[in-house]
Structure formats: structure tokens, C-alpha cells
Amino acid sequence: MMKKLIIDMDGVMSDVYGQLARLEKRDSGKDINMNDLIGITELEAFPNCKVHVHEPGFFRTASVMVGSQEAVKYLNNKYELYIVSAGMEFPNGLREKYDWLGEHFPFITWEQIVLCGSKRVISGDIMIDDYAKNLTYFPGEKLMFTQPHNQLTEYPDFKRVNSWEEIVNIL
């Protein structure tokens, strides 16, 4: 029996930081250096974050994280794989996330997509996420995908991963 692998979307498969930086530049003209964001929350890093995530197209037009398409395709053949995204607080994001996956990850079936409120109900063998709040309650192996907001914090029961190449080498 294959192990169940849970993969988060935002900040793991889709480049939400890049999207927020582009929109912040559009609105304020300010260039944001990702190195300046290490250790601070998205709300601190991007003053208009709450506005942007509710804009139509925010999730649909986000870039794909480098290496994620090839890696997820490889892992999809090796694991019982599910894409899990907590998106209920962004109602227009639900359709956008589904459409984004269809465009960039066409090999993922609708049965493998879980759009939910809280990830506390999710179980499996391995979870890849960039937020500790999602990994904390997960009963299996926890892989923390590095993003600026989590870069300075270490969690003893999470294994940090910095790229999709690293994930493939581990899994």
C-alpha cells in the first residue's frame, strides 16, 4: 500500500510571496527584497496583503514554484498524493485554485484536490506545508517548506526543506 502524501498549495506549489511582491509594487511602486522579509509575517511584509488575497485573479495568476511541476508529477506516481489547501476564507480563491491546478498540474485529478477550512482534520503519512499551524496537528511526518515567514524558527518535530529538488531527494 502506498503512503499518503499531503502537499500544500500556497507557498509550496504556488509562489504567493512573488505574487504579493508584484501586487505591492503595482500599488505602491515599492520593490520588495525577499531577504528583507526573513522572520516577519506576510501581513508585516506586505501592507496590502489582506486586500490582495481577496482580489479576483490573485490565486489564479500566481507563478508556479520552481521545480514543483516535475517533482509533484514524480511523487504522484510514488505516493497516494493529495493537494490540500485551506482556502475557505477566500471564496473566489476556491475556483481559482482549482483552475490553477488544472492548468499547471493537469495530471492531478479532481479526487486528489481538497479545499478546506482547517487542516486539523487532515491525516496521512507525510505533509509538506510552509505553516507550522498546519503541521502541528498533523499525525505523520512533517516537512516544513522554507518561506521567509518561517525561516528563523526551528521546530524539533519538523524537517525543513528548501526546494522541490530537496523534497524529491528525501522522498
C-alpha atoms as a PDB file:
ATOM      1  CA  MET A   1       0.000   0.000   0.000  1.00  0.00           C
ATOM      2  CA  MET A   2       1.330   3.438  -0.952  1.00  0.00           C
ATOM      3  CA  LYS A   3       1.927   6.083   1.689  1.00  0.00           C
ATOM      4  CA  LYS A   4      -0.391   9.089   1.693  1.00  0.00           C
ATOM      5  CA  LEU A   5       1.394  12.365   0.844  1.00  0.00           C
ATOM      6  CA  ILE A   6      -0.331  15.698   1.557  1.00  0.00           C
ATOM      7  CA  ILE A   7       1.001  18.789  -0.260  1.00  0.00           C
ATOM      8  CA  ASP A   8       0.017  22.383   0.475  1.00  0.00           C
ATOM      9  CA  MET A   9      -0.516  24.780  -2.457  1.00  0.00           C
ATOM     10  CA  ASP A  10       0.163  28.373  -1.408  1.00  0.00           C
ATOM     11  CA  GLY A  11       3.820  28.989  -0.658  1.00  0.00           C
ATOM     12  CA  VAL A  12       4.729  25.411  -1.606  1.00  0.00           C
ATOM     13  CA  MET A  13       3.423  24.854  -5.138  1.00  0.00           C
ATOM     14  CA  SER A  14       2.367  28.425  -5.980  1.00  0.00           C
ATOM     15  CA  ASP A  15       4.598  31.432  -5.400  1.00  0.00           C
ATOM     16  CA  VAL A  16       2.386  33.542  -3.158  1.00  0.00           C
ATOM     17  CA  TYR A  17       5.301  35.693  -1.988  1.00  0.00           C
ATOM     18  CA  GLY A  18       6.178  36.571  -5.561  1.00  0.00           C
ATOM     19  CA  GLN A  19       2.535  37.382  -6.264  1.00  0.00           C
ATOM     20  CA  LEU A  20       2.271  39.634  -3.208  1.00  0.00           C
ATOM     21  CA  ALA A  21       5.530  41.409  -4.125  1.00  0.00           C
ATOM     22  CA  ARG A  22       4.275  42.068  -7.681  1.00  0.00           C
ATOM     23  CA  LEU A  23       0.987  43.484  -6.430  1.00  0.00           C
ATOM     24  CA  GLU A  24       2.699  45.597  -3.769  1.00  0.00           C
ATOM     25  CA  LYS A  25       4.930  47.084  -6.481  1.00  0.00           C
ATOM     26  CA  ARG A  26       1.899  47.714  -8.673  1.00  0.00           C
ATOM     27  CA  ASP A  27       0.081  49.540  -5.883  1.00  0.00           C
ATOM     28  CA  SER A  28       2.881  51.349  -4.076  1.00  0.00           C
ATOM     29  CA  GLY A  29       5.765  51.335  -6.549  1.00  0.00           C
ATOM     30  CA  LYS A  30       7.907  49.734  -3.824  1.00  0.00           C
ATOM     31  CA  ASP A  31      10.326  46.954  -4.794  1.00  0.00           C
ATOM     32  CA  ILE A  32      10.432  44.282  -2.119  1.00  0.00           C
ATOM     33  CA  ASN A  33      13.598  42.303  -1.494  1.00  0.00           C
ATOM     34  CA  MET A  34      12.692  38.822  -0.231  1.00  0.00           C
ATOM     35  CA  ASN A  35      15.789  38.792   2.009  1.00  0.00           C
ATOM     36  CA  ASP A  36      14.293  41.728   3.932  1.00  0.00           C
ATOM     37  CA  LEU A  37      11.246  39.619   4.793  1.00  0.00           C
ATOM     38  CA  ILE A  38      13.015  36.874   6.727  1.00  0.00           C
ATOM     39  CA  GLY A  39      11.358  36.262  10.058  1.00  0.00           C
ATOM     40  CA  ILE A  40       8.374  38.552   9.582  1.00  0.00           C
ATOM     41  CA  THR A  41       4.786  37.637   8.808  1.00  0.00           C
ATOM     42  CA  GLU A  42       3.181  38.148   5.423  1.00  0.00           C
ATOM     43  CA  LEU A  43       0.983  40.861   6.939  1.00  0.00           C
ATOM     44  CA  GLU A  44       4.070  42.746   8.137  1.00  0.00           C
ATOM     45  CA  ALA A  45       5.913  42.194   4.865  1.00  0.00           C
ATOM     46  CA  PHE A  46       3.065  43.193   2.564  1.00  0.00           C
ATOM     47  CA  PRO A  47       0.926  46.032   3.950  1.00  0.00           C
ATOM     48  CA  ASN A  48      -1.846  45.393   1.409  1.00  0.00           C
ATOM     49  CA  CYS A  49      -1.820  41.605   1.784  1.00  0.00           C
ATOM     50  CA  LYS A  50      -5.398  41.330   3.088  1.00  0.00           C
ATOM     51  CA  VAL A  51      -6.659  43.347   0.119  1.00  0.00           C
ATOM     52  CA  HIS A  52      -4.641  41.424  -2.454  1.00  0.00           C
ATOM     53  CA  VAL A  53      -5.682  37.916  -1.401  1.00  0.00           C
ATOM     54  CA  HIS A  54      -9.311  38.906  -1.952  1.00  0.00           C
ATOM     55  CA  GLU A  55      -8.700  40.354  -5.429  1.00  0.00           C
ATOM     56  CA  PRO A  56     -10.137  38.349  -8.303  1.00  0.00           C
ATOM     57  CA  GLY A  57      -7.277  36.537 -10.024  1.00  0.00           C
ATOM     58  CA  PHE A  58      -4.881  36.555  -7.078  1.00  0.00           C
ATOM     59  CA  PHE A  59      -4.630  32.774  -6.764  1.00  0.00           C
ATOM     60  CA  ARG A  60      -5.302  32.054 -10.451  1.00  0.00           C
ATOM     61  CA  THR A  61      -2.353  34.123 -11.725  1.00  0.00           C
ATOM     62  CA  ALA A  62       0.303  33.153  -9.156  1.00  0.00           C
ATOM     63  CA  SER A  63       3.514  31.719 -10.573  1.00  0.00           C
ATOM     64  CA  VAL A  64       4.470  28.091 -10.131  1.00  0.00           C
ATOM     65  CA  MET A  65       7.247  27.378  -7.621  1.00  0.00           C
ATOM     66  CA  VAL A  66      10.460  26.350  -9.325  1.00  0.00           C
ATOM     67  CA  GLY A  67      10.705  22.589  -9.735  1.00  0.00           C
ATOM     68  CA  SER A  68       7.263  21.839  -8.333  1.00  0.00           C
ATOM     69  CA  GLN A  69       5.616  20.555 -11.514  1.00  0.00           C
ATOM     70  CA  GLU A  70       8.226  17.895 -12.236  1.00  0.00           C
ATOM     71  CA  ALA A  71       8.554  16.942  -8.575  1.00  0.00           C
ATOM     72  CA  VAL A  72       4.803  16.625  -7.945  1.00  0.00           C
ATOM     73  CA  LYS A  73       4.409  14.567 -11.112  1.00  0.00           C
ATOM     74  CA  TYR A  74       7.174  12.218  -9.928  1.00  0.00           C
ATOM     75  CA  LEU A  75       5.693  12.000  -6.411  1.00  0.00           C
ATOM     76  CA  ASN A  76       2.202  11.421  -7.810  1.00  0.00           C
ATOM     77  CA  ASN A  77       3.437   8.127  -9.239  1.00  0.00           C
ATOM     78  CA  LYS A  78       5.115   7.113  -5.984  1.00  0.00           C
ATOM     79  CA  TYR A  79       2.530   8.115  -3.355  1.00  0.00           C
ATOM     80  CA  GLU A  80      -1.184   8.369  -2.794  1.00  0.00           C
ATOM     81  CA  LEU A  81      -0.998  12.125  -3.275  1.00  0.00           C
ATOM     82  CA  TYR A  82      -3.433  14.863  -2.266  1.00  0.00           C
ATOM     83  CA  ILE A  83      -3.204  18.611  -2.734  1.00  0.00           C
ATOM     84  CA  VAL A  84      -4.701  20.239   0.356  1.00  0.00           C
ATOM     85  CA  SER A  85      -5.304  23.969   0.585  1.00  0.00           C
ATOM     86  CA  ALA A  86      -7.070  25.894   3.330  1.00  0.00           C
ATOM     87  CA  GLY A  87      -8.982  28.384   1.239  1.00  0.00           C
ATOM     88  CA  MET A  88     -12.431  28.817   2.730  1.00  0.00           C
ATOM     89  CA  GLU A  89     -11.644  32.354   3.905  1.00  0.00           C
ATOM     90  CA  PHE A  90     -11.056  33.365   0.260  1.00  0.00           C
ATOM     91  CA  PRO A  91     -14.270  32.247  -1.502  1.00  0.00           C
ATOM     92  CA  ASN A  92     -13.257  33.319  -5.030  1.00  0.00           C
ATOM     93  CA  GLY A  93      -9.942  31.595  -4.392  1.00  0.00           C
ATOM     94  CA  LEU A  94     -11.566  28.164  -4.315  1.00  0.00           C
ATOM     95  CA  ARG A  95     -12.378  28.196  -8.033  1.00  0.00           C
ATOM     96  CA  GLU A  96      -9.103  29.943  -8.842  1.00  0.00           C
ATOM     97  CA  LYS A  97      -7.055  27.320  -7.013  1.00  0.00           C
ATOM     98  CA  TYR A  98      -8.904  24.510  -8.764  1.00  0.00           C
ATOM     99  CA  ASP A  99      -8.371  26.145 -12.178  1.00  0.00           C
ATOM    100  CA  TRP A 100      -4.710  26.926 -11.375  1.00  0.00           C
ATOM    101  CA  LEU A 101      -4.081  23.262 -10.560  1.00  0.00           C
ATOM    102  CA  GLY A 102      -5.825  22.208 -13.774  1.00  0.00           C
ATOM    103  CA  GLU A 103      -3.569  24.448 -15.835  1.00  0.00           C
ATOM    104  CA  HIS A 104      -0.227  23.797 -14.131  1.00  0.00           C
ATOM    105  CA  PHE A 105      -0.721  20.265 -12.755  1.00  0.00           C
ATOM    106  CA  PRO A 106      -3.123  18.601 -15.239  1.00  0.00           C
ATOM    107  CA  PHE A 107      -2.138  15.123 -14.029  1.00  0.00           C
ATOM    108  CA  ILE A 108      -3.750  15.838 -10.625  1.00  0.00           C
ATOM    109  CA  THR A 109      -7.360  14.610 -10.680  1.00  0.00           C
ATOM    110  CA  TRP A 110     -10.286  16.327  -9.010  1.00  0.00           C
ATOM    111  CA  GLU A 111     -10.343  13.467  -6.493  1.00  0.00           C
ATOM    112  CA  GLN A 112      -6.860  14.462  -5.311  1.00  0.00           C
ATOM    113  CA  ILE A 113      -7.809  18.076  -4.523  1.00  0.00           C
ATOM    114  CA  VAL A 114      -9.005  19.006  -1.038  1.00  0.00           C
ATOM    115  CA  LEU A 115     -10.010  22.638  -0.462  1.00  0.00           C
ATOM    116  CA  CYS A 116     -10.878  23.042   3.198  1.00  0.00           C
ATOM    117  CA  GLY A 117     -11.120  25.383   6.152  1.00  0.00           C
ATOM    118  CA  SER A 118      -8.818  23.955   8.785  1.00  0.00           C
ATOM    119  CA  LYS A 119      -6.175  21.349   8.031  1.00  0.00           C
ATOM    120  CA  ARG A 120      -6.569  19.913  11.526  1.00  0.00           C
ATOM    121  CA  VAL A 121      -8.855  17.231  10.061  1.00  0.00           C
ATOM    122  CA  ILE A 122      -6.243  16.079   7.533  1.00  0.00           C
ATOM    123  CA  SER A 123      -4.343  12.864   8.142  1.00  0.00           C
ATOM    124  CA  GLY A 124      -1.788  10.911   6.191  1.00  0.00           C
ATOM    125  CA  ASP A 125       1.795   9.725   6.317  1.00  0.00           C
ATOM    126  CA  ILE A 126       3.680  12.838   5.129  1.00  0.00           C
ATOM    127  CA  MET A 127       2.698  16.507   4.877  1.00  0.00           C
ATOM    128  CA  ILE A 128       4.580  19.331   3.122  1.00  0.00           C
ATOM    129  CA  ASP A 129       3.489  22.808   4.244  1.00  0.00           C
ATOM    130  CA  ASP A 130       5.018  26.210   4.948  1.00  0.00           C
ATOM    131  CA  TYR A 131       2.931  26.998   8.034  1.00  0.00           C
ATOM    132  CA  ALA A 132       3.587  25.488  11.445  1.00  0.00           C
ATOM    133  CA  LYS A 133      -0.108  25.879  12.343  1.00  0.00           C
ATOM    134  CA  ASN A 134      -0.928  23.329   9.642  1.00  0.00           C
ATOM    135  CA  LEU A 135       1.838  20.885  10.511  1.00  0.00           C
ATOM    136  CA  THR A 136       1.424  20.992  14.298  1.00  0.00           C
ATOM    137  CA  TYR A 137      -1.689  18.808  14.369  1.00  0.00           C
ATOM    138  CA  PHE A 138      -0.662  16.500  11.544  1.00  0.00           C
ATOM    139  CA  PRO A 139      -0.011  12.987  12.878  1.00  0.00           C
ATOM    140  CA  GLY A 140       2.572  11.918  10.281  1.00  0.00           C
ATOM    141  CA  GLU A 141       5.978  13.090   9.073  1.00  0.00           C
ATOM    142  CA  LYS A 142       6.128  16.879   8.800  1.00  0.00           C
ATOM    143  CA  LEU A 143       8.154  18.672   6.115  1.00  0.00           C
ATOM    144  CA  MET A 144       8.373  22.463   6.612  1.00  0.00           C
ATOM    145  CA  PHE A 145       8.813  24.181   3.238  1.00  0.00           C
ATOM    146  CA  THR A 146      11.040  27.216   3.795  1.00  0.00           C
ATOM    147  CA  GLN A 147       9.452  30.611   3.238  1.00  0.00           C
ATOM    148  CA  PRO A 148      10.598  33.953   4.669  1.00  0.00           C
ATOM    149  CA  HIS A 149       7.966  33.902   7.435  1.00  0.00           C
ATOM    150  CA  ASN A 150       9.197  30.572   8.845  1.00  0.00           C
ATOM    151  CA  GLN A 151      12.906  30.857   8.114  1.00  0.00           C
ATOM    152  CA  LEU A 152      14.085  31.886  11.597  1.00  0.00           C
ATOM    153  CA  THR A 153      12.009  29.399  13.549  1.00  0.00           C
ATOM    154  CA  GLU A 154      13.043  25.817  14.172  1.00  0.00           C
ATOM    155  CA  TYR A 155      10.573  23.138  15.150  1.00  0.00           C
ATOM    156  CA  PRO A 156      12.052  19.955  16.620  1.00  0.00           C
ATOM    157  CA  ASP A 157       9.486  17.617  15.051  1.00  0.00           C
ATOM    158  CA  PHE A 158       9.519  19.237  11.564  1.00  0.00           C
ATOM    159  CA  LYS A 159      12.111  18.526   8.894  1.00  0.00           C
ATOM    160  CA  ARG A 160      12.961  21.693   6.957  1.00  0.00           C
ATOM    161  CA  VAL A 161      13.047  21.511   3.160  1.00  0.00           C
ATOM    162  CA  ASN A 162      14.300  24.368   0.998  1.00  0.00           C
ATOM    163  CA  SER A 163      13.396  23.281  -2.521  1.00  0.00           C
ATOM    164  CA  TRP A 164      11.487  20.757  -4.566  1.00  0.00           C
ATOM    165  CA  GLU A 165      14.764  19.124  -5.549  1.00  0.00           C
ATOM    166  CA  GLU A 166      15.471  18.525  -1.874  1.00  0.00           C
ATOM    167  CA  ILE A 167      11.981  17.072  -1.376  1.00  0.00           C
ATOM    168  CA  VAL A 168      12.450  14.590  -4.218  1.00  0.00           C
ATOM    169  CA  ASN A 169      15.801  13.524  -2.777  1.00  0.00           C
ATOM    170  CA  ILE A 170      14.218  12.925   0.639  1.00  0.00           C
ATOM    171  CA  LEU A 171      11.104  11.163  -0.614  1.00  0.00           C
END
